Amino acid sequence: MMWEAKYETGNTQVDNEHKEIFKLVQKLIEVKVENEAENVTATIDFLANYTINHFNHEEELMKESSYPAIDIHKKQHGDFLSQVVALRARVIEEADIEVSIIDIKKVIINWLIDHVLGSDKIMANHYRNWSAK
């Protein structure tokens, strides 16, 4: 999953953090099926921890600028983390790691693209307008 200009929000720090998340997702995509579940879960754990820090940063920007959709945006963050936790558990429980990895890729990639292109761009635009006042 490669970073493209269309994902830019206009907030340098948010964009740099998104680029790192995209790199981590790419690393997950490249995990070989032969890898054991613990290698897959370690990659997921690292992605989840980085994402938590990123979400905290975004939520601070929302609080600072009195972003009106903060509750909806925070819920999206929580929903994503819940999905990641559920997928991680599935990797551990599943006998077929390949199927689990395919599902992980679908969930994470689809959510990330939709969220960055939608909610994050709106939030960054709000923050940019607020900070320009």
Protein backbone atom coordinates (compact mmCIF):
# COMPACT_ATOMS: atom_id res chain seq x y z
CA MET A 1 0.00 0.00 0.00
CA MET A 2 1.82 3.03 -1.26
CA TRP A 3 1.33 6.62 -0.17
CA GLU A 4 -0.13 8.87 -2.85
CA ALA A 5 -0.62 12.63 -2.98
CA LYS A 6 -4.41 12.14 -2.92
CA TYR A 7 -4.12 11.04 0.73
CA GLU A 8 -2.58 14.34 1.86
CA THR A 9 -4.66 16.25 4.38
CA GLY A 10 -2.53 19.39 4.31
CA ASN A 11 -1.41 18.93 7.92
CA THR A 12 2.27 18.00 7.80
CA GLN A 13 2.37 16.08 11.07
CA VAL A 14 -0.84 14.16 10.34
CA ASP A 15 0.40 13.37 6.83
CA ASN A 16 3.78 12.17 8.12
CA GLU A 17 2.04 9.91 10.64
CA HIS A 18 -0.27 8.60 7.91
CA LYS A 19 2.77 7.83 5.76
CA GLU A 20 4.20 5.73 8.58
CA ILE A 21 0.89 3.89 8.98
CA PHE A 22 0.86 3.18 5.24
CA LYS A 23 4.41 1.78 5.52
CA LEU A 24 3.32 -0.46 8.40
CA VAL A 25 0.32 -1.69 6.41
CA GLN A 26 2.63 -2.40 3.48
CA LYS A 27 4.83 -4.41 5.82
CA LEU A 28 1.78 -6.40 6.88
CA ILE A 29 0.82 -6.96 3.24
CA GLU A 30 4.29 -8.34 2.56
CA VAL A 31 4.18 -10.82 5.44
CA LYS A 32 4.68 -14.24 3.98
CA VAL A 33 2.12 -16.93 4.70
CA GLU A 34 4.95 -19.14 5.89
CA ASN A 35 5.49 -16.80 8.83
CA GLU A 36 4.08 -18.03 12.07
CA ALA A 37 1.13 -16.37 13.74
CA GLU A 38 3.39 -14.68 16.28
CA ASN A 39 5.20 -12.79 13.50
CA VAL A 40 1.88 -11.61 12.09
CA THR A 41 0.59 -10.60 15.52
CA ALA A 42 3.82 -8.72 16.26
CA THR A 43 3.33 -6.69 13.08
CA ILE A 44 -0.31 -6.04 13.96
CA ASP A 45 0.67 -5.02 17.50
CA PHE A 46 3.23 -2.54 16.22
CA LEU A 47 0.69 -1.10 13.77
CA ALA A 48 -1.96 -0.84 16.51
CA ASN A 49 0.41 0.91 18.93
CA TYR A 50 1.56 3.41 16.34
CA THR A 51 -2.05 4.02 15.30
CA ILE A 52 -3.11 4.65 18.91
CA ASN A 53 -0.45 7.35 19.21
CA HIS A 54 -1.56 8.86 15.90
CA PHE A 55 -5.22 8.84 16.94
CA ASN A 56 -4.30 10.58 20.20
CA HIS A 57 -2.52 13.28 18.21
CA GLU A 58 -5.48 13.78 15.89
CA GLU A 59 -7.86 13.94 18.85
CA GLU A 60 -5.71 16.64 20.47
CA LEU A 61 -5.97 18.70 17.28
CA MET A 62 -9.74 18.22 17.33
CA LYS A 63 -10.02 19.32 20.96
CA GLU A 64 -7.75 22.32 20.40
CA SER A 65 -9.84 23.55 17.46
CA SER A 66 -13.26 22.63 18.96
CA TYR A 67 -13.92 20.29 16.05
CA PRO A 68 -17.71 19.79 15.94
CA ALA A 69 -17.56 16.12 14.82
CA ILE A 70 -15.03 15.04 17.45
CA ASP A 71 -17.30 12.39 18.97
CA ILE A 72 -18.00 10.77 15.60
CA HIS A 73 -14.32 10.85 14.66
CA LYS A 74 -13.23 9.38 18.01
CA LYS A 75 -15.82 6.62 17.61
CA GLN A 76 -14.35 5.78 14.19
CA HIS A 77 -10.93 5.49 15.82
CA GLY A 78 -12.31 3.22 18.54
CA ASP A 79 -14.16 1.06 16.02
CA PHE A 80 -10.99 0.59 13.99
CA LEU A 81 -8.96 -0.43 17.03
CA SER A 82 -11.70 -2.90 18.01
CA GLN A 83 -11.51 -4.44 14.55
CA VAL A 84 -7.73 -4.71 14.78
CA VAL A 85 -7.97 -6.43 18.18
CA ALA A 86 -10.58 -8.86 16.83
CA LEU A 87 -8.45 -9.63 13.77
CA ARG A 88 -5.39 -10.17 15.95
CA ALA A 89 -7.32 -12.66 18.07
CA ARG A 90 -8.48 -14.40 14.93
CA VAL A 91 -4.89 -14.84 13.73
CA ILE A 92 -4.08 -16.58 16.98
CA GLU A 93 -7.20 -18.78 16.85
CA GLU A 94 -7.32 -19.60 13.14
CA ALA A 95 -5.66 -22.66 11.76
CA ASP A 96 -5.46 -20.99 8.33
CA ILE A 97 -3.18 -17.98 8.73
CA GLU A 98 -3.46 -17.13 5.02
CA VAL A 99 -7.22 -16.51 5.25
CA SER A 100 -6.71 -14.38 8.36
CA ILE A 101 -4.04 -12.27 6.67
CA ILE A 102 -6.29 -11.68 3.66
CA ASP A 103 -9.11 -10.51 5.95
CA ILE A 104 -6.75 -8.28 7.90
CA LYS A 105 -5.55 -6.63 4.74
CA LYS A 106 -9.11 -6.00 3.54
CA VAL A 107 -10.30 -4.50 6.82
CA ILE A 108 -7.24 -2.36 7.50
CA ILE A 109 -6.71 -1.11 3.96
CA ASN A 110 -10.36 -0.30 3.30
CA TRP A 111 -10.80 1.48 6.63
CA LEU A 112 -7.57 3.43 6.31
CA ILE A 113 -8.27 4.70 2.80
CA ASP A 114 -11.89 5.61 3.59
CA HIS A 115 -10.93 7.33 6.85
CA VAL A 116 -8.00 9.32 5.48
CA LEU A 117 -9.84 10.43 2.33
CA GLY A 118 -12.99 11.26 4.29
CA SER A 119 -12.93 12.07 7.98
CA ASP A 120 -9.26 13.03 8.26
CA LYS A 121 -9.34 15.43 5.33
CA ILE A 122 -12.43 17.12 6.78
CA MET A 123 -10.83 17.36 10.22
CA ALA A 124 -7.55 18.73 8.82
CA ASN A 125 -9.43 21.31 6.77
CA HIS A 126 -11.33 22.41 9.89
CA TYR A 127 -8.07 22.66 11.85
CA ARG A 128 -6.37 24.62 9.06
CA ASN A 129 -9.29 27.10 8.90
CA TRP A 130 -9.34 27.40 12.69
CA SER A 131 -5.60 28.02 12.96
CA ALA A 132 -5.71 30.64 10.18
CA LYS A 133 -8.02 32.86 12.27
